[in-house]
Amino acid sequence: MTKMKLERQDSKSNGIKLSEYENYVAVDWSKSNMAIARLTRSRVQPKVLERPADIRELKTYLKGLKGKTIVTVEETMVAHWLYLELHDVVDKILICDPYLPAGRQAGTSCYRTGRRWTRSMLESCASY
């Protein structure tokens, strides 16, 4: 597996330079559980935590990360709420189309979705 270039900026990236960040986090949130997938500059395989949905626990986790953090969440009914809860905890939040990452299908587990989201964020920085 090769390391990804983090300097990529495409027309949809809104000027986001991924090399500015130390932590790349994807959050998949549902009523009962959440998956938090994280990559760093030096880690090319996402580390995924699957836990009961708890915004306080998520904020504590994100506050504990060292360096600048970018988070992506999928565009769902809770995206606005997550944005309001997390905007003061992280450096940047991307709200992304849930069907944009290759292979995303309805009913996919939070764990798998979290892994795909972190990879997709680094590969394409697909954002609105």
C-alpha atoms as a PDB file:
ATOM      1  CA  MET A   1       0.000   0.000   0.000  1.00  0.00           C
ATOM      2  CA  THR A   2       1.424   3.367  -0.982  1.00  0.00           C
ATOM      3  CA  LYS A   3       1.202   6.561   1.020  1.00  0.00           C
ATOM      4  CA  MET A   4      -1.310   9.088  -0.263  1.00  0.00           C
ATOM      5  CA  LYS A   5      -0.297  12.589  -1.260  1.00  0.00           C
ATOM      6  CA  LEU A   6      -1.891  14.963   1.198  1.00  0.00           C
ATOM      7  CA  GLU A   7      -1.326  18.121  -0.822  1.00  0.00           C
ATOM      8  CA  ARG A   8      -4.159  17.408  -3.268  1.00  0.00           C
ATOM      9  CA  GLN A   9      -6.674  20.165  -3.822  1.00  0.00           C
ATOM     10  CA  ASP A  10      -9.447  19.704  -6.347  1.00  0.00           C
ATOM     11  CA  SER A  11     -12.239  21.987  -7.475  1.00  0.00           C
ATOM     12  CA  LYS A  12     -14.626  20.647  -4.812  1.00  0.00           C
ATOM     13  CA  SER A  13     -12.211  21.019  -1.897  1.00  0.00           C
ATOM     14  CA  ASN A  14     -13.152  24.638  -1.049  1.00  0.00           C
ATOM     15  CA  GLY A  15      -9.437  25.440  -0.750  1.00  0.00           C
ATOM     16  CA  ILE A  16      -8.806  22.845   1.942  1.00  0.00           C
ATOM     17  CA  LYS A  17      -5.188  21.770   2.032  1.00  0.00           C
ATOM     18  CA  LEU A  18      -5.176  18.351   3.652  1.00  0.00           C
ATOM     19  CA  SER A  19      -1.488  18.526   4.558  1.00  0.00           C
ATOM     20  CA  GLU A  20      -2.388  21.143   7.194  1.00  0.00           C
ATOM     21  CA  TYR A  21      -4.013  18.498   9.387  1.00  0.00           C
ATOM     22  CA  GLU A  22      -2.568  15.861  11.661  1.00  0.00           C
ATOM     23  CA  ASN A  23      -5.831  13.950  12.242  1.00  0.00           C
ATOM     24  CA  TYR A  24      -8.400  12.898   9.644  1.00  0.00           C
ATOM     25  CA  VAL A  25     -11.571  11.671  11.351  1.00  0.00           C
ATOM     26  CA  ALA A  26     -14.802  10.306   9.904  1.00  0.00           C
ATOM     27  CA  VAL A  27     -17.862   9.962  12.112  1.00  0.00           C
ATOM     28  CA  ASP A  28     -20.777   7.716  11.208  1.00  0.00           C
ATOM     29  CA  TRP A  29     -23.627   8.442  13.613  1.00  0.00           C
ATOM     30  CA  SER A  30     -26.845   6.501  14.133  1.00  0.00           C
ATOM     31  CA  LYS A  31     -29.499   6.400  16.858  1.00  0.00           C
ATOM     32  CA  SER A  32     -27.802   3.704  18.865  1.00  0.00           C
ATOM     33  CA  ASN A  33     -24.124   3.713  17.899  1.00  0.00           C
ATOM     34  CA  MET A  34     -21.317   5.706  16.325  1.00  0.00           C
ATOM     35  CA  ALA A  35     -18.186   4.739  14.466  1.00  0.00           C
ATOM     36  CA  ILE A  36     -15.133   6.969  14.644  1.00  0.00           C
ATOM     37  CA  ALA A  37     -12.487   6.242  12.027  1.00  0.00           C
ATOM     38  CA  ARG A  38      -9.142   8.033  12.254  1.00  0.00           C
ATOM     39  CA  LEU A  39      -6.111   8.370  10.061  1.00  0.00           C
ATOM     40  CA  THR A  40      -3.016  10.415  10.791  1.00  0.00           C
ATOM     41  CA  ARG A  41      -0.246  11.644   8.531  1.00  0.00           C
ATOM     42  CA  SER A  42       1.732   8.525   9.359  1.00  0.00           C
ATOM     43  CA  ARG A  43      -1.111   5.958   9.542  1.00  0.00           C
ATOM     44  CA  VAL A  44      -2.561   4.817   6.202  1.00  0.00           C
ATOM     45  CA  GLN A  45      -4.949   2.228   7.676  1.00  0.00           C
ATOM     46  CA  PRO A  46      -7.871   3.741   9.581  1.00  0.00           C
ATOM     47  CA  LYS A  47      -8.282   2.923  13.252  1.00  0.00           C
ATOM     48  CA  VAL A  48     -12.018   2.480  13.857  1.00  0.00           C
ATOM     49  CA  LEU A  49     -13.818   2.640  17.189  1.00  0.00           C
ATOM     50  CA  GLU A  50     -17.439   1.545  17.345  1.00  0.00           C
ATOM     51  CA  ARG A  51     -19.258   2.701  20.466  1.00  0.00           C
ATOM     52  CA  PRO A  52     -22.752   3.550  21.709  1.00  0.00           C
ATOM     53  CA  ALA A  53     -23.754   6.993  20.368  1.00  0.00           C
ATOM     54  CA  ASP A  54     -22.668   9.575  22.958  1.00  0.00           C
ATOM     55  CA  ILE A  55     -21.831  13.146  21.981  1.00  0.00           C
ATOM     56  CA  ARG A  56     -19.894  13.792  25.209  1.00  0.00           C
ATOM     57  CA  GLU A  57     -17.655  10.793  24.540  1.00  0.00           C
ATOM     58  CA  LEU A  58     -17.101  11.908  20.932  1.00  0.00           C
ATOM     59  CA  LYS A  59     -16.149  15.429  22.033  1.00  0.00           C
ATOM     60  CA  THR A  60     -13.775  14.067  24.673  1.00  0.00           C
ATOM     61  CA  TYR A  61     -12.123  11.830  22.075  1.00  0.00           C
ATOM     62  CA  LEU A  62     -11.704  14.694  19.595  1.00  0.00           C
ATOM     63  CA  LYS A  63     -10.388  17.116  22.230  1.00  0.00           C
ATOM     64  CA  GLY A  64      -7.746  14.544  23.177  1.00  0.00           C
ATOM     65  CA  LEU A  65      -6.221  14.433  19.691  1.00  0.00           C
ATOM     66  CA  LYS A  66      -2.969  16.354  19.294  1.00  0.00           C
ATOM     67  CA  GLY A  67      -2.592  18.675  16.314  1.00  0.00           C
ATOM     68  CA  LYS A  68      -5.119  20.052  13.831  1.00  0.00           C
ATOM     69  CA  THR A  69      -8.149  17.850  13.187  1.00  0.00           C
ATOM     70  CA  ILE A  70     -10.506  17.657  10.216  1.00  0.00           C
ATOM     71  CA  VAL A  71     -13.757  15.717  10.598  1.00  0.00           C
ATOM     72  CA  THR A  72     -16.190  14.498   7.997  1.00  0.00           C
ATOM     73  CA  VAL A  73     -19.784  13.466   8.629  1.00  0.00           C
ATOM     74  CA  GLU A  74     -22.347  12.347   6.121  1.00  0.00           C
ATOM     75  CA  GLU A  75     -25.214  14.583   5.101  1.00  0.00           C
ATOM     76  CA  THR A  76     -28.078  13.180   7.168  1.00  0.00           C
ATOM     77  CA  MET A  77     -30.764  14.510   9.486  1.00  0.00           C
ATOM     78  CA  VAL A  78     -28.222  14.799  12.335  1.00  0.00           C
ATOM     79  CA  ALA A  79     -25.447  16.505  10.322  1.00  0.00           C
ATOM     80  CA  HIS A  80     -26.461  20.030  11.376  1.00  0.00           C
ATOM     81  CA  TRP A  81     -26.685  19.002  15.035  1.00  0.00           C
ATOM     82  CA  LEU A  82     -23.263  17.310  14.848  1.00  0.00           C
ATOM     83  CA  TYR A  83     -21.819  20.410  13.209  1.00  0.00           C
ATOM     84  CA  LEU A  84     -23.139  22.630  16.018  1.00  0.00           C
ATOM     85  CA  GLU A  85     -21.828  20.249  18.671  1.00  0.00           C
ATOM     86  CA  LEU A  86     -18.368  19.773  17.131  1.00  0.00           C
ATOM     87  CA  HIS A  87     -17.466  23.095  15.469  1.00  0.00           C
ATOM     88  CA  ASP A  88     -15.672  24.414  18.556  1.00  0.00           C
ATOM     89  CA  VAL A  89     -13.813  21.118  19.166  1.00  0.00           C
ATOM     90  CA  VAL A  90     -12.164  20.577  15.758  1.00  0.00           C
ATOM     91  CA  ASP A  91     -10.465  22.747  13.144  1.00  0.00           C
ATOM     92  CA  LYS A  92     -12.620  21.870  10.136  1.00  0.00           C
ATOM     93  CA  ILE A  93     -15.823  19.907   9.460  1.00  0.00           C
ATOM     94  CA  LEU A  94     -16.816  18.540   6.066  1.00  0.00           C
ATOM     95  CA  ILE A  95     -20.413  17.532   5.405  1.00  0.00           C
ATOM     96  CA  CYS A  96     -20.389  15.016   2.569  1.00  0.00           C
ATOM     97  CA  ASP A  97     -22.834  13.195   0.340  1.00  0.00           C
ATOM     98  CA  PRO A  98     -23.286   9.692   1.865  1.00  0.00           C
ATOM     99  CA  TYR A  99     -23.419   8.027  -1.537  1.00  0.00           C
ATOM    100  CA  LEU A 100     -20.301   9.678  -2.961  1.00  0.00           C
ATOM    101  CA  PRO A 101     -17.659   7.251  -1.638  1.00  0.00           C
ATOM    102  CA  ALA A 102     -17.310   4.292  -3.951  1.00  0.00           C
ATOM    103  CA  GLY A 103     -19.197   1.272  -2.750  1.00  0.00           C
ATOM    104  CA  ARG A 104     -21.421   3.029  -0.196  1.00  0.00           C
ATOM    105  CA  GLN A 105     -24.717   1.204   0.052  1.00  0.00           C
ATOM    106  CA  ALA A 106     -27.701   1.581   2.345  1.00  0.00           C
ATOM    107  CA  GLY A 107     -27.418  -0.613   5.424  1.00  0.00           C
ATOM    108  CA  THR A 108     -23.619  -0.690   5.486  1.00  0.00           C
ATOM    109  CA  SER A 109     -22.231  -1.062   9.006  1.00  0.00           C
ATOM    110  CA  CYS A 110     -20.907   2.007  10.813  1.00  0.00           C
ATOM    111  CA  TYR A 111     -17.488   0.356  11.077  1.00  0.00           C
ATOM    112  CA  ARG A 112     -17.167  -0.152   7.308  1.00  0.00           C
ATOM    113  CA  THR A 113     -18.575   3.280   6.533  1.00  0.00           C
ATOM    114  CA  GLY A 114     -16.086   4.950   8.874  1.00  0.00           C
ATOM    115  CA  ARG A 115     -13.179   3.174   7.170  1.00  0.00           C
ATOM    116  CA  ARG A 116     -14.418   4.225   3.725  1.00  0.00           C
ATOM    117  CA  TRP A 117     -15.034   7.820   4.777  1.00  0.00           C
ATOM    118  CA  THR A 118     -11.519   8.415   6.043  1.00  0.00           C
ATOM    119  CA  ARG A 119     -10.027   6.910   2.880  1.00  0.00           C
ATOM    120  CA  SER A 120     -12.395   8.927   0.687  1.00  0.00           C
ATOM    121  CA  MET A 121     -11.624  12.180   2.518  1.00  0.00           C
ATOM    122  CA  LEU A 122      -7.927  11.770   1.841  1.00  0.00           C
ATOM    123  CA  GLU A 123      -8.338  10.579  -1.726  1.00  0.00           C
ATOM    124  CA  SER A 124     -10.752  13.211  -2.964  1.00  0.00           C
ATOM    125  CA  CYS A 125     -11.599  15.693  -0.214  1.00  0.00           C
ATOM    126  CA  ALA A 126     -15.168  15.586  -1.480  1.00  0.00           C
ATOM    127  CA  SER A 127     -17.081  18.348   0.222  1.00  0.00           C
ATOM    128  CA  TYR A 128     -19.784  20.878  -0.374  1.00  0.00           C
END
